[in-house]
Amino acid sequence: MIVSAVIHFQLAPGFQQAYPGGIGGGNLFRIQAVIAVLASLYVLTRGDRAAYAVAAAVALSALAAVVLYRYVQVPTIGPIPSMYEPIWYAKKAFTAVAEATAGILAITGYALLHRPRHNT
């Protein structure tokens, strides 16, 4: 998720002009990046099932957003801008792969911690 956060921070200034009267695309990118960093720190400091669940939710929701806005022209909703961008480019694709990987790893971590322990 740190990879996704770094790329979102890098891309944020270029997206701020999307609906500058509302939240702005750049601010949404910054918010997502901060949440990804916090979820990563939660996993690193706690490493429990709740931390992995939060990490999975953050990573997979970010992946869903990038895929949604790639293929669907979602209109502006209140202060949230339309972020439709019908192309794939290197940083966007890399972020999507990183988010999918983080989601899978978080689900795996959750599942491994969820297993019942056998006393022998």
Foldseek 3Di string as FASTA:
>chain_A
DQLQLVLLQVCLVVQQVQQVVFCTPSNVSNVLSVQQVVLVVLCVVPVALVSLVSQLVSLVVVLVVLVCLQPDQDCADVRRHRNRDPDDDDSSVVSNVVSVVSNVVSVVSNVVNPDDDDDD
